[in-house]
Amino acid sequence: MKQRIFTALFLLPLVVIAIFKLPWFMFVMFLSAIIMFAFFEWHRFLRRKFNPLQFIILALIFSGCNITGIFLNNIFLNKQISIHYVILAIGVIWWLIASALVITYPNSSKFLCFSSALHHVFGICTLLPFFWSVLLLRAVESNTYSSYGARLVLFVFLIVWSVDIGAYFFGKIIGKSKMAPLVSPNKTIEGLIGGVVTSLMVSYFFSQFFCIKFSSSISMAVIIFFTIVVSVMGDLVESMFKRVSGIKDSGSIIPGHGGILDRIDSLAAAFPVFAFLYLIF
């Protein structure tokens, strides 16, 4: 626990600096590097040796993310084009499917013994909408040289972090009823409720502090609530994949926290859903 706290305190300011201070070019490079490492870790779920062809595929994905984000950044400034909704909708649909797999686990485990190609499709559906939604949110009002987009990105981070922290401490203190014992035995219903309440309070405070614009209080509550719920499912989905694959952590690059995927699983689910709902409402 001490190592986890120390690492979190070290990484937190770096994340905030990256969100607010990195120019667009460097921010895209930073986010693309995270996506590339996450794809490497995703391959571990197959429990197969990494081969050169997959390295080339990941390199192409990495390059494509950079080219799209750096040289076509005007795409992200125009929130009306359909490509945004298509990619975000893919992310939303994937997380609905993945959530159904978690809810029906272990009966759904037979659907997780998939081919290598389908496995990478799952990975792309997980990570590409995440990448796209983060860039899309950061680009909000950036043509007016405002920090609003950066505040919006950090706001989603805070939604996810607060539900994780609240669920952990409430689960430790009063947690008794297992939420998904076959997927993640340590998570409890009491912890989930505590995490949701904590995140709702934190989200309301920072929505006022960051001056986040919502069309109404109802739309704000709906968007935040669904973001919280899907972030919890994102954590459970990765736990399900790890359980099926027989591995404890997706990697070991972050001391005390496992791999990149272990840290962004909830974020990868939350960002596309938040961005999709935020753009609609």
Protein backbone atom coordinates (compact mmCIF):
# COMPACT_ATOMS: atom_id res chain seq x y z
CA MET A 1 0.00 0.00 0.00
CA LYS A 2 2.84 2.42 0.83
CA GLN A 3 4.39 1.78 -2.57
CA ARG A 4 1.03 2.33 -4.29
CA ILE A 5 0.52 5.66 -2.47
CA PHE A 6 4.08 6.82 -3.18
CA THR A 7 3.77 5.96 -6.86
CA ALA A 8 0.37 7.67 -7.10
CA LEU A 9 1.70 10.85 -5.47
CA PHE A 10 4.62 10.82 -7.91
CA LEU A 11 2.49 10.24 -11.02
CA LEU A 12 -0.39 12.59 -10.15
CA PRO A 13 1.46 15.88 -10.76
CA LEU A 14 3.00 14.45 -13.94
CA VAL A 15 -0.46 13.64 -15.29
CA VAL A 16 -1.78 17.10 -14.41
CA ILE A 17 1.24 18.78 -16.03
CA ALA A 18 0.82 16.66 -19.16
CA ILE A 19 -2.87 17.56 -19.44
CA PHE A 20 -2.45 21.30 -18.91
CA LYS A 21 1.05 22.18 -20.05
CA LEU A 22 2.01 19.92 -22.95
CA PRO A 23 1.40 21.47 -26.37
CA TRP A 24 -0.86 19.54 -28.72
CA PHE A 25 2.03 17.78 -30.50
CA MET A 26 3.63 16.57 -27.27
CA PHE A 27 0.30 15.64 -25.70
CA VAL A 28 -0.55 13.41 -28.67
CA MET A 29 2.88 11.79 -28.44
CA PHE A 30 2.44 11.24 -24.71
CA LEU A 31 -1.02 9.71 -25.09
CA SER A 32 0.04 7.60 -28.08
CA ALA A 33 2.92 6.14 -26.07
CA ILE A 34 0.46 5.11 -23.34
CA ILE A 35 -1.79 3.49 -25.95
CA MET A 36 1.15 1.61 -27.47
CA PHE A 37 2.25 0.20 -24.11
CA ALA A 38 -1.35 -0.74 -23.37
CA PHE A 39 -1.57 -2.67 -26.65
CA PHE A 40 1.59 -4.55 -25.73
CA GLU A 41 0.06 -5.50 -22.39
CA TRP A 42 -3.25 -6.43 -24.00
CA HIS A 43 -1.37 -9.11 -25.93
CA ARG A 44 -0.48 -10.80 -22.63
CA PHE A 45 -4.09 -11.91 -22.30
CA LEU A 46 -3.41 -14.34 -25.16
CA ARG A 47 -0.50 -15.89 -23.24
CA ARG A 48 1.48 -16.18 -26.47
CA LYS A 49 4.94 -15.06 -27.42
CA PHE A 50 5.05 -11.63 -29.02
CA ASN A 51 6.07 -11.89 -32.68
CA PRO A 52 7.49 -9.36 -35.20
CA LEU A 53 4.26 -9.16 -37.19
CA GLN A 54 2.34 -8.00 -34.14
CA PHE A 55 5.12 -5.50 -33.41
CA ILE A 56 4.67 -4.07 -36.92
CA ILE A 57 0.90 -3.89 -36.44
CA LEU A 58 1.31 -2.03 -33.15
CA ALA A 59 3.89 0.29 -34.70
CA LEU A 60 1.43 1.12 -37.49
CA ILE A 61 -1.32 1.78 -34.95
CA PHE A 62 1.06 3.95 -32.95
CA SER A 63 2.08 5.90 -36.07
CA GLY A 64 -1.52 6.24 -37.19
CA CYS A 65 -2.56 7.66 -33.83
CA ASN A 66 0.25 10.22 -34.02
CA ILE A 67 -0.44 11.24 -37.60
CA THR A 68 -4.16 11.59 -36.93
CA GLY A 69 -3.67 13.61 -33.75
CA ILE A 70 -0.77 15.81 -34.88
CA PHE A 71 -1.43 16.60 -38.52
CA LEU A 72 -5.21 16.38 -38.53
CA ASN A 73 -5.85 18.19 -35.27
CA ASN A 74 -8.51 20.31 -36.98
CA ILE A 75 -10.64 17.17 -36.95
CA PHE A 76 -10.75 17.40 -33.18
CA LEU A 77 -11.64 21.09 -33.27
CA ASN A 78 -14.74 20.36 -35.33
CA LYS A 79 -17.12 18.56 -32.97
CA GLN A 80 -19.85 18.21 -35.60
CA ILE A 81 -18.24 15.71 -37.98
CA SER A 82 -19.63 12.20 -37.92
CA ILE A 83 -16.32 10.38 -37.38
CA HIS A 84 -16.34 11.44 -33.74
CA TYR A 85 -19.73 9.90 -33.10
CA VAL A 86 -18.86 6.72 -35.00
CA ILE A 87 -15.69 6.04 -33.01
CA LEU A 88 -17.26 7.01 -29.70
CA ALA A 89 -20.34 4.91 -30.49
CA ILE A 90 -18.06 1.93 -31.16
CA GLY A 91 -16.56 2.46 -27.72
CA VAL A 92 -19.97 2.74 -26.05
CA ILE A 93 -21.29 -0.39 -27.79
CA TRP A 94 -18.15 -2.33 -26.90
CA TRP A 95 -18.47 -1.45 -23.22
CA LEU A 96 -22.11 -2.50 -23.23
CA ILE A 97 -21.08 -5.86 -24.68
CA ALA A 98 -18.13 -6.19 -22.30
CA SER A 99 -20.36 -5.33 -19.33
CA ALA A 100 -22.80 -8.06 -20.39
CA LEU A 101 -19.87 -10.51 -20.49
CA VAL A 102 -18.93 -9.54 -16.92
CA ILE A 103 -22.49 -9.83 -15.63
CA THR A 104 -22.93 -13.30 -17.15
CA TYR A 105 -19.46 -14.57 -16.18
CA PRO A 106 -18.45 -17.46 -15.92
CA ASN A 107 -21.05 -18.56 -18.49
CA SER A 108 -19.60 -15.96 -20.84
CA SER A 109 -16.07 -17.36 -20.50
CA LYS A 110 -16.65 -19.60 -23.53
CA PHE A 111 -16.96 -16.46 -25.65
CA LEU A 112 -13.61 -15.21 -24.36
CA CYS A 113 -11.66 -18.15 -25.82
CA PHE A 114 -11.38 -16.21 -29.02
CA SER A 115 -8.93 -16.11 -31.90
CA SER A 116 -5.93 -13.83 -31.95
CA ALA A 117 -7.56 -11.58 -34.55
CA LEU A 118 -10.76 -11.16 -32.53
CA HIS A 119 -8.70 -10.54 -29.43
CA HIS A 120 -6.96 -7.61 -31.11
CA VAL A 121 -10.31 -6.29 -32.30
CA PHE A 122 -11.39 -6.22 -28.65
CA GLY A 123 -8.19 -4.34 -27.81
CA ILE A 124 -8.76 -1.78 -30.55
CA CYS A 125 -12.38 -1.29 -29.43
CA THR A 126 -11.07 -0.67 -25.91
CA LEU A 127 -8.14 1.63 -26.61
CA LEU A 128 -8.91 3.53 -29.83
CA PRO A 129 -12.13 5.17 -28.52
CA PHE A 130 -10.23 6.01 -25.33
CA PHE A 131 -7.45 7.70 -27.31
CA TRP A 132 -9.91 9.53 -29.53
CA SER A 133 -12.16 10.73 -26.71
CA VAL A 134 -9.29 12.13 -24.64
CA LEU A 135 -8.01 14.15 -27.62
CA LEU A 136 -11.53 15.23 -28.49
CA LEU A 137 -12.25 16.52 -24.99
CA ARG A 138 -8.91 18.30 -24.72
CA ALA A 139 -9.63 20.08 -28.01
CA VAL A 140 -12.87 21.57 -26.69
CA GLU A 141 -12.60 25.37 -27.02
CA SER A 142 -8.85 25.09 -27.68
CA ASN A 143 -9.26 27.36 -30.70
CA THR A 144 -9.90 30.17 -28.23
CA TYR A 145 -6.68 29.35 -26.34
CA SER A 146 -8.70 28.30 -23.35
CA SER A 147 -7.74 25.67 -20.77
CA TYR A 148 -11.33 24.43 -20.79
CA GLY A 149 -10.50 21.25 -22.67
CA ALA A 150 -7.72 20.40 -20.23
CA ARG A 151 -10.09 21.00 -17.33
CA LEU A 152 -12.64 18.74 -18.98
CA VAL A 153 -10.08 15.93 -19.31
CA LEU A 154 -8.97 16.30 -15.69
CA PHE A 155 -12.62 16.36 -14.64
CA VAL A 156 -13.16 12.87 -16.09
CA PHE A 157 -9.98 11.69 -14.36
CA LEU A 158 -11.35 12.98 -11.07
CA ILE A 159 -14.68 11.20 -11.61
CA VAL A 160 -12.87 7.89 -12.06
CA TRP A 161 -10.25 8.39 -9.36
CA SER A 162 -12.84 9.40 -6.76
CA VAL A 163 -15.05 6.36 -7.38
CA ASP A 164 -11.99 4.10 -7.12
CA ILE A 165 -10.79 5.70 -3.89
CA GLY A 166 -14.28 5.84 -2.36
CA ALA A 167 -15.01 2.22 -3.27
CA TYR A 168 -11.69 1.07 -1.81
CA PHE A 169 -12.07 2.75 1.58
CA PHE A 170 -15.80 2.08 2.00
CA GLY A 171 -15.19 -1.51 0.97
CA LYS A 172 -12.43 -1.87 3.55
CA ILE A 173 -14.47 -0.32 6.33
CA ILE A 174 -18.01 -1.66 5.82
CA GLY A 175 -17.78 -3.97 2.81
CA LYS A 176 -19.46 -7.35 3.32
CA SER A 177 -21.57 -8.23 0.27
CA LYS A 178 -19.46 -9.38 -2.68
CA MET A 179 -20.30 -7.55 -5.89
CA ALA A 180 -18.71 -9.89 -8.46
CA PRO A 181 -16.93 -12.65 -6.52
CA LEU A 182 -16.08 -14.73 -9.59
CA VAL A 183 -14.48 -11.78 -11.38
CA SER A 184 -13.02 -9.61 -8.61
CA PRO A 185 -13.48 -11.14 -5.13
CA ASN A 186 -12.37 -8.04 -3.20
CA LYS A 187 -15.03 -5.70 -4.57
CA THR A 188 -18.19 -5.24 -2.51
CA ILE A 189 -21.62 -3.72 -3.04
CA GLU A 190 -21.06 -1.41 -0.05
CA GLY A 191 -17.80 -0.27 -1.59
CA LEU A 192 -19.54 0.38 -4.89
CA ILE A 193 -22.24 2.49 -3.24
CA GLY A 194 -19.63 4.40 -1.26
CA GLY A 195 -17.59 4.98 -4.40
CA VAL A 196 -20.60 6.24 -6.34
CA VAL A 197 -21.61 8.66 -3.56
CA THR A 198 -18.03 9.88 -3.18
CA SER A 199 -17.64 10.41 -6.91
CA LEU A 200 -20.96 12.25 -7.20
CA MET A 201 -19.91 14.70 -4.48
CA VAL A 202 -16.41 15.17 -5.91
CA SER A 203 -17.83 15.56 -9.42
CA TYR A 204 -20.35 18.20 -8.33
CA PHE A 205 -17.67 20.20 -6.53
CA PHE A 206 -15.19 20.15 -9.40
CA SER A 207 -17.87 20.79 -12.02
CA GLN A 208 -18.41 24.11 -10.23
CA PHE A 209 -14.71 24.70 -9.56
CA PHE A 210 -13.69 24.00 -13.18
CA CYS A 211 -16.81 25.73 -14.58
CA ILE A 212 -17.76 22.65 -16.60
CA LYS A 213 -20.63 23.48 -18.92
CA PHE A 214 -23.66 21.21 -18.98
CA SER A 215 -26.97 21.92 -20.67
CA SER A 216 -28.82 21.31 -17.39
CA SER A 217 -28.42 19.86 -13.92
CA ILE A 218 -30.27 16.74 -15.05
CA SER A 219 -27.94 16.15 -17.99
CA MET A 220 -24.95 16.67 -15.68
CA ALA A 221 -26.26 14.09 -13.21
CA VAL A 222 -27.04 11.58 -15.97
CA ILE A 223 -23.66 11.97 -17.69
CA ILE A 224 -21.69 11.72 -14.45
CA PHE A 225 -23.72 8.75 -13.17
CA PHE A 226 -23.27 6.70 -16.35
CA THR A 227 -19.60 7.63 -16.45
CA ILE A 228 -19.20 6.33 -12.89
CA VAL A 229 -21.04 3.09 -13.63
CA VAL A 230 -19.09 2.30 -16.79
CA SER A 231 -15.78 3.13 -15.08
CA VAL A 232 -16.55 0.43 -12.51
CA MET A 233 -17.39 -1.98 -15.32
CA GLY A 234 -14.11 -1.12 -17.04
CA ASP A 235 -12.20 -2.31 -14.01
CA LEU A 236 -14.26 -5.50 -13.84
CA VAL A 237 -13.82 -6.18 -17.56
CA GLU A 238 -10.05 -6.13 -17.28
CA SER A 239 -10.25 -8.32 -14.17
CA MET A 240 -12.35 -10.77 -16.18
CA PHE A 241 -9.81 -10.92 -19.01
CA LYS A 242 -6.97 -11.43 -16.52
CA ARG A 243 -8.89 -14.19 -14.75
CA VAL A 244 -9.61 -16.01 -18.02
CA SER A 245 -5.94 -15.62 -19.02
CA GLY A 246 -4.65 -16.71 -15.61
CA ILE A 247 -2.52 -13.61 -14.96
CA LYS A 248 -2.49 -11.29 -11.95
CA ASP A 249 -1.40 -8.01 -13.53
CA SER A 250 -1.30 -6.80 -17.11
CA GLY A 251 2.32 -5.73 -16.56
CA SER A 252 4.82 -4.41 -14.04
CA ILE A 253 5.88 -1.06 -15.47
CA ILE A 254 4.29 0.94 -12.61
CA PRO A 255 5.64 -0.01 -9.14
CA GLY A 256 2.84 -1.15 -6.86
CA HIS A 257 0.19 -0.66 -9.55
CA GLY A 258 0.96 -3.33 -12.13
CA GLY A 259 0.80 -2.39 -15.79
CA ILE A 260 -0.57 0.47 -17.85
CA LEU A 261 -3.81 -1.39 -18.48
CA ASP A 262 -4.27 -1.89 -14.76
CA ARG A 263 -4.27 1.90 -14.34
CA ILE A 264 -6.31 2.96 -17.36
CA ASP A 265 -8.97 0.22 -17.47
CA SER A 266 -11.59 2.39 -15.76
CA LEU A 267 -10.49 5.48 -17.72
CA ALA A 268 -10.66 3.61 -21.03
CA ALA A 269 -14.32 2.86 -20.31
CA ALA A 270 -15.24 6.23 -18.81
CA PHE A 271 -13.81 8.62 -21.41
CA PRO A 272 -15.71 7.40 -24.52
CA VAL A 273 -19.00 7.27 -22.61
CA PHE A 274 -18.51 10.70 -21.06
CA ALA A 275 -17.43 12.24 -24.37
CA PHE A 276 -20.32 10.65 -26.27
CA LEU A 277 -22.95 11.81 -23.78
CA TYR A 278 -21.32 15.22 -23.33
CA LEU A 279 -21.35 15.93 -27.07
CA ILE A 280 -24.97 14.80 -27.41
CA PHE A 281 -26.33 16.69 -24.41
